[in-house]
């Protein structure tokens, strides 16, 4: 059996790993000072959100990712808390929670791999943290572009694009695979091991052209992303994966960044949710990632003949002429 990916400083080797196995590992991407600054700010934020009753906690037996609605279709607004059984803590919208998190998005090695995976233009889909705590259960295996309509044939009725859900997907044809339109970046802020919940991956599954048939099937063979703090993992958006169970007595610290093609809807709504003070000092590259750059006339407000839209864009409403001709 071919040797599975291991951390390397060679960017070209990481690209080869990503293409062949659906994941790759970049060694020594963050130095000790960067790790300390990131972890300190993340720890402060997580503790403060917890103290103020704002923490989002999942990873329990009844708080698995994706279970946002009950059987009646109602949003489970208070389900993702520690009293309701949540274990791991998520910290969302890091773009607003410290410059140290913004700086991560311009990491040259990470962006080099993202360029390879997605091409000339792409969006930031999410930038968040997952602190996997002891007792957290394994997440269901899933793909991160589950919403991507599958190729179809003219002789069948396909599932409409707007009817696709995490649970309901279209039939697949082994002759076809999705194109890659998502790449995930897993920043290992602390050591990742199989015992502390290192992300589980099914190597090569990005080329199978389907999602997991039974996400709760524990017989599916997985491998854990493992590496010392400072390693960065990359996951093809089609690869089957999920947070591992944390059976250790240590926290697993991770920041998760997702990039997607410019045609698609990001997970976090940055054009609405990014703080004004962040936008005021944002570089053109960051504004582009956040969705403020017009892409082939998409994402505009009025005329498509502009490069960027502005948060304070003057909106044209109903107008009346001074004279009718």
Protein backbone atom coordinates (compact mmCIF):
# COMPACT_ATOMS: atom_id res chain seq x y z
CA UNK A 1 0.00 0.00 0.00
CA UNK A 2 1.44 3.44 -0.89
CA UNK A 3 2.72 5.52 2.02
CA UNK A 4 0.09 7.98 3.24
CA UNK A 5 0.85 11.70 3.51
CA UNK A 6 3.15 12.91 6.27
CA UNK A 7 4.19 16.50 7.13
CA UNK A 8 6.64 18.03 4.69
CA UNK A 9 7.98 21.54 4.04
CA UNK A 10 7.91 20.89 0.27
CA UNK A 11 4.90 22.76 -1.13
CA UNK A 12 4.92 20.76 -4.35
CA UNK A 13 4.81 17.53 -2.35
CA UNK A 14 1.82 18.81 -0.35
CA UNK A 15 0.02 19.55 -3.64
CA UNK A 16 0.78 16.02 -4.83
CA UNK A 17 -0.56 14.61 -1.55
CA UNK A 18 -3.74 16.69 -1.83
CA UNK A 19 -4.41 15.60 -5.39
CA UNK A 20 -3.66 11.92 -4.83
CA UNK A 21 -5.08 11.27 -1.36
CA UNK A 22 -7.48 14.17 -0.80
CA UNK A 23 -5.35 15.65 1.97
CA UNK A 24 -1.83 16.92 2.55
CA UNK A 25 0.30 18.17 5.44
CA UNK A 26 2.58 21.22 5.49
CA UNK A 27 5.24 21.04 8.21
CA UNK A 28 6.47 24.02 10.27
CA UNK A 29 3.95 26.43 8.75
CA UNK A 30 3.68 28.37 12.02
CA UNK A 31 6.61 29.19 14.30
CA UNK A 32 6.61 29.23 18.11
CA UNK A 33 5.86 32.95 18.38
CA UNK A 34 2.95 32.76 15.93
CA UNK A 35 1.52 29.73 17.73
CA UNK A 36 1.75 31.47 21.09
CA UNK A 37 0.03 34.62 19.83
CA UNK A 38 -2.75 32.69 18.08
CA UNK A 39 -3.40 30.34 20.99
CA UNK A 40 -3.41 33.15 23.57
CA UNK A 41 -5.97 35.20 21.62
CA UNK A 42 -8.09 32.13 20.87
CA UNK A 43 -8.06 31.01 24.51
CA UNK A 44 -9.06 34.49 25.69
CA UNK A 45 -11.93 34.63 23.20
CA UNK A 46 -13.17 31.13 23.97
CA UNK A 47 -13.16 31.70 27.73
CA UNK A 48 -14.94 35.05 27.38
CA UNK A 49 -17.66 33.61 25.12
CA UNK A 50 -18.12 30.76 27.58
CA UNK A 51 -18.36 33.11 30.58
CA UNK A 52 -20.93 35.29 28.83
CA UNK A 53 -23.14 32.38 27.80
CA UNK A 54 -22.30 32.76 24.11
CA UNK A 55 -20.35 29.56 23.53
CA UNK A 56 -21.40 27.15 20.78
CA UNK A 57 -20.66 23.62 21.99
CA UNK A 58 -21.12 20.47 19.94
CA UNK A 59 -19.40 17.11 19.67
CA UNK A 60 -21.69 15.40 22.16
CA UNK A 61 -23.75 12.32 21.36
CA UNK A 62 -26.81 14.47 20.61
CA UNK A 63 -25.03 17.59 19.31
CA UNK A 64 -23.42 16.22 16.19
CA UNK A 65 -22.54 18.69 13.48
CA UNK A 66 -25.37 19.28 11.03
CA UNK A 67 -28.20 18.48 13.46
CA UNK A 68 -29.38 22.08 13.51
CA UNK A 69 -33.10 21.22 13.23
CA UNK A 70 -35.32 18.80 15.07
CA UNK A 71 -37.61 16.24 13.44
CA UNK A 72 -40.25 18.96 13.02
CA UNK A 73 -37.89 21.22 11.14
CA UNK A 74 -37.47 23.69 13.99
CA UNK A 75 -34.04 25.20 14.66
CA UNK A 76 -32.45 23.71 17.77
CA UNK A 77 -31.26 27.11 18.96
CA UNK A 78 -30.22 26.09 22.49
CA UNK A 79 -29.13 22.54 21.71
CA UNK A 80 -25.48 23.40 21.24
CA UNK A 81 -24.51 24.19 24.81
CA UNK A 82 -22.69 22.28 27.53
CA UNK A 83 -25.84 21.83 29.67
CA UNK A 84 -27.53 20.21 26.64
CA UNK A 85 -24.62 17.83 26.15
CA UNK A 86 -22.17 19.79 24.01
CA UNK A 87 -18.47 19.11 24.59
CA UNK A 88 -16.26 20.78 21.98
CA UNK A 89 -16.29 24.57 21.71
CA UNK A 90 -16.52 26.41 18.40
CA UNK A 91 -15.43 30.02 17.99
CA UNK A 92 -16.99 31.58 14.89
CA UNK A 93 -16.17 34.60 12.71
CA UNK A 94 -12.52 34.89 13.72
CA UNK A 95 -12.22 37.67 11.16
CA UNK A 96 -13.68 39.98 13.85
CA UNK A 97 -11.82 38.56 16.83
CA UNK A 98 -8.24 39.66 16.43
CA UNK A 99 -5.70 40.77 13.84
CA UNK A 100 -3.70 37.63 14.51
CA UNK A 101 -6.50 35.65 12.85
CA UNK A 102 -6.65 38.02 9.89
CA UNK A 103 -2.92 37.68 9.32
CA UNK A 104 -3.26 33.91 9.00
CA UNK A 105 -5.25 34.37 5.79
CA UNK A 106 -2.24 35.83 3.97
CA UNK A 107 0.15 33.00 4.88
CA UNK A 108 2.15 32.51 1.65
CA UNK A 109 2.44 28.73 1.86
CA UNK A 110 -1.24 28.26 2.64
CA UNK A 111 -2.30 30.57 -0.15
CA UNK A 112 0.04 28.79 -2.56
CA UNK A 113 -1.78 25.51 -1.86
CA UNK A 114 -5.19 27.22 -2.04
CA UNK A 115 -4.25 28.71 -5.42
CA UNK A 116 -3.34 25.24 -6.64
CA UNK A 117 -6.59 23.76 -5.38
CA UNK A 118 -9.04 26.44 -6.53
CA UNK A 119 -7.34 28.59 -9.15
CA UNK A 120 -7.07 32.33 -9.64
CA UNK A 121 -10.09 33.49 -7.62
CA UNK A 122 -11.83 32.12 -4.55
CA UNK A 123 -13.70 33.24 -1.45
CA UNK A 124 -13.23 32.77 2.24
CA UNK A 125 -16.10 30.50 3.25
CA UNK A 126 -15.39 30.30 6.97
CA UNK A 127 -12.63 31.08 9.45
CA UNK A 128 -13.35 29.54 12.84
CA UNK A 129 -11.91 27.41 15.63
CA UNK A 130 -12.77 23.98 16.99
CA UNK A 131 -11.46 23.21 20.47
CA UNK A 132 -11.95 19.46 20.81
CA UNK A 133 -12.20 18.56 24.48
CA UNK A 134 -11.86 15.23 26.28
CA UNK A 135 -15.03 13.20 25.91
CA UNK A 136 -15.96 14.65 22.51
CA UNK A 137 -17.38 11.99 20.19
CA UNK A 138 -16.39 11.38 16.59
CA UNK A 139 -18.17 13.55 14.05
CA UNK A 140 -20.09 11.81 11.28
CA UNK A 141 -18.08 11.34 8.14
CA UNK A 142 -19.07 13.92 5.54
CA UNK A 143 -17.81 16.00 2.64
CA UNK A 144 -17.63 19.79 2.72
CA UNK A 145 -19.16 20.33 -0.70
CA UNK A 146 -22.19 18.15 -0.04
CA UNK A 147 -24.35 20.91 -1.59
CA UNK A 148 -22.70 20.55 -5.00
CA UNK A 149 -25.21 19.17 -7.55
CA UNK A 150 -24.03 15.91 -9.04
CA UNK A 151 -23.59 15.34 -12.78
CA UNK A 152 -26.75 13.94 -14.31
CA UNK A 153 -28.02 12.44 -17.55
CA UNK A 154 -30.71 13.64 -19.98
CA UNK A 155 -32.79 10.50 -19.42
CA UNK A 156 -33.42 10.99 -15.70
CA UNK A 157 -35.06 13.53 -13.43
CA UNK A 158 -32.42 15.01 -11.17
CA UNK A 159 -32.91 16.39 -7.68
CA UNK A 160 -33.32 20.18 -8.00
CA UNK A 161 -30.31 22.10 -6.73
CA UNK A 162 -32.35 23.92 -4.09
CA UNK A 163 -33.66 20.66 -2.64
CA UNK A 164 -30.26 19.24 -1.73
CA UNK A 165 -29.68 18.93 2.02
CA UNK A 166 -27.11 17.23 4.25
CA UNK A 167 -29.48 14.26 4.44
CA UNK A 168 -30.98 14.32 0.94
CA UNK A 169 -28.73 14.09 -2.07
CA UNK A 170 -29.06 13.06 -5.68
CA UNK A 171 -28.20 9.64 -7.02
CA UNK A 172 -24.62 9.27 -8.19
CA UNK A 173 -22.99 7.66 -11.16
CA UNK A 174 -19.59 6.07 -10.62
CA UNK A 175 -18.50 7.34 -14.02
CA UNK A 176 -18.55 10.93 -12.75
CA UNK A 177 -16.93 12.85 -9.93
CA UNK A 178 -17.46 16.36 -8.63
CA UNK A 179 -14.94 19.00 -9.55
CA UNK A 180 -13.06 20.34 -6.52
CA UNK A 181 -14.62 23.65 -5.47
CA UNK A 182 -13.70 23.68 -1.76
CA UNK A 183 -10.46 23.29 0.16
CA UNK A 184 -10.17 23.19 3.95
CA UNK A 185 -7.17 24.37 5.93
CA UNK A 186 -6.61 22.76 9.34
CA UNK A 187 -4.21 24.86 11.43
CA UNK A 188 -2.78 22.69 14.21
CA UNK A 189 -2.45 25.18 17.06
CA UNK A 190 -1.57 22.30 19.35
CA UNK A 191 -0.36 18.79 18.63
CA UNK A 192 -2.77 16.59 16.65
CA UNK A 193 -2.94 12.91 17.52
CA UNK A 194 -5.37 10.08 16.91
CA UNK A 195 -6.11 10.09 20.66
CA UNK A 196 -6.97 13.78 21.06
CA UNK A 197 -9.40 13.98 18.14
CA UNK A 198 -7.14 14.50 15.13
CA UNK A 199 -9.37 14.86 12.08
CA UNK A 200 -10.31 11.49 10.57
CA UNK A 201 -9.92 11.18 6.80
CA UNK A 202 -10.75 8.45 4.30
CA UNK A 203 -7.77 8.61 1.91
CA UNK A 204 -8.71 8.72 -1.77
CA UNK A 205 -12.44 9.17 -1.15
CA UNK A 206 -12.38 12.52 -2.98
CA UNK A 207 -12.25 10.53 -6.22
CA UNK A 208 -15.18 8.22 -5.49
CA UNK A 209 -17.83 10.60 -6.82
CA UNK A 210 -20.20 10.28 -3.86
CA UNK A 211 -20.81 11.16 -0.24
CA UNK A 212 -20.69 8.57 2.57
CA UNK A 213 -23.59 6.14 2.13
CA UNK A 214 -23.95 5.76 5.89
CA UNK A 215 -22.16 8.55 7.81
CA UNK A 216 -22.50 6.56 11.06
CA UNK A 217 -20.83 3.44 9.66
CA UNK A 218 -17.97 2.77 12.11
CA UNK A 219 -16.48 0.10 9.87
CA UNK A 220 -15.22 2.64 7.32
CA UNK A 221 -11.43 2.71 7.57
CA UNK A 222 -10.07 6.16 8.40
CA UNK A 223 -6.71 7.66 9.19
CA UNK A 224 -6.11 10.51 11.61
CA UNK A 225 -4.42 13.78 10.70
CA UNK A 226 -1.44 13.86 13.03
CA UNK A 227 1.32 16.39 13.42
CA UNK A 228 3.06 18.65 15.90
CA UNK A 229 1.76 22.14 16.63
CA UNK A 230 2.53 24.43 13.70
CA UNK A 231 1.61 21.85 11.07
CA UNK A 232 -1.15 22.78 8.61
CA UNK A 233 -3.38 20.20 6.98
CA UNK A 234 -5.27 20.64 3.71
CA UNK A 235 -8.44 18.73 2.88
CA UNK A 236 -10.01 18.45 -0.56
CA UNK A 237 -13.68 19.51 -0.22
CA UNK A 238 -14.80 16.12 -1.57
CA UNK A 239 -12.84 13.92 0.83
CA UNK A 240 -14.73 12.05 3.56
CA UNK A 241 -13.69 13.34 6.96
CA UNK A 242 -14.79 14.34 10.45
CA UNK A 243 -13.43 15.42 13.82
CA UNK A 244 -12.13 12.43 15.73
CA UNK A 245 -13.20 11.36 19.21
CA UNK A 246 -11.02 12.89 21.92
CA UNK A 247 -10.18 9.97 24.20
CA UNK A 248 -7.20 11.77 25.75
CA UNK A 249 -7.08 14.09 28.76
CA UNK A 250 -5.89 17.03 26.65
CA UNK A 251 -7.61 19.74 24.57
CA UNK A 252 -7.03 19.69 20.82
CA UNK A 253 -6.67 23.26 19.52
CA UNK A 254 -7.45 23.88 15.85
CA UNK A 255 -8.39 26.74 13.57
CA UNK A 256 -10.35 25.70 10.49
CA UNK A 257 -10.34 27.84 7.36
CA UNK A 258 -12.43 26.99 4.33
CA UNK A 259 -12.02 28.51 0.88
CA UNK A 260 -14.54 28.01 -1.92
CA UNK A 261 -14.89 28.93 -5.58
CA UNK A 262 -16.19 32.45 -6.31
CA UNK A 263 -19.49 31.05 -7.63
CA UNK A 264 -20.65 29.67 -4.29
CA UNK A 265 -22.25 30.83 -1.07
CA UNK A 266 -19.83 31.02 1.89
CA UNK A 267 -20.69 29.50 5.26
CA UNK A 268 -20.09 32.76 7.13
CA UNK A 269 -21.69 35.90 5.67
CA UNK A 270 -18.69 38.20 5.64
CA UNK A 271 -20.25 40.96 3.54
CA UNK A 272 -22.83 41.49 6.28
CA UNK A 273 -20.98 40.28 9.37
CA UNK A 274 -17.47 41.70 9.08
CA UNK A 275 -16.90 44.51 11.57
CA UNK A 276 -16.56 48.02 10.05
CA UNK A 277 -13.16 48.54 11.70
CA UNK A 278 -11.88 45.36 10.05
CA UNK A 279 -13.07 46.48 6.63
CA UNK A 280 -11.62 49.96 7.10
CA UNK A 281 -8.08 48.56 7.24
CA UNK A 282 -8.56 45.51 4.99
CA UNK A 283 -6.18 45.00 2.09
CA UNK A 284 -7.53 44.43 -1.43
CA UNK A 285 -6.68 40.74 -1.03
CA UNK A 286 -8.67 40.44 2.19
CA UNK A 287 -11.60 42.36 0.70
CA UNK A 288 -11.55 39.93 -2.20
CA UNK A 289 -11.62 36.92 0.13
CA UNK A 290 -14.52 38.46 2.06
CA UNK A 291 -16.64 38.78 -1.09
CA UNK A 292 -16.32 42.49 -1.86
CA UNK A 293 -14.59 41.97 -5.21
CA UNK A 294 -16.86 41.74 -8.25
CA UNK A 295 -16.20 38.46 -10.08
CA UNK A 296 -17.20 38.45 -13.76
CA UNK A 297 -20.14 40.79 -12.97
CA UNK A 298 -21.27 38.64 -10.01
CA UNK A 299 -21.49 40.17 -6.54
CA UNK A 300 -22.09 43.68 -7.82
CA UNK A 301 -24.55 46.24 -6.45
CA UNK A 302 -25.17 48.39 -9.54
CA UNK A 303 -22.80 48.54 -12.50
CA UNK A 304 -20.56 45.51 -13.07
CA UNK A 305 -17.82 47.85 -14.35
CA UNK A 306 -16.16 48.16 -10.92
CA UNK A 307 -13.52 46.09 -9.18
CA UNK A 308 -14.88 46.24 -5.64
CA UNK A 309 -18.17 47.04 -3.96
CA UNK A 310 -18.12 49.11 -0.79
CA UNK A 311 -19.88 48.41 2.52
CA UNK A 312 -21.20 51.98 2.44
CA UNK A 313 -22.33 51.66 -1.17
CA UNK A 314 -24.86 54.34 -2.12
CA UNK A 315 -28.01 52.48 -3.06
CA UNK A 316 -30.29 53.68 -5.84
CA UNK A 317 -33.94 53.37 -5.03
CA UNK A 318 -36.96 54.62 -6.96
CA UNK A 319 -36.07 57.76 -8.92
CA UNK A 320 -38.30 60.28 -10.70
CA UNK A 321 -37.21 62.41 -13.67
CA UNK A 322 -37.49 66.16 -13.55
CA UNK A 323 -39.24 66.06 -16.88
CA UNK A 324 -40.89 63.35 -18.90
CA UNK A 325 -39.96 63.33 -22.55
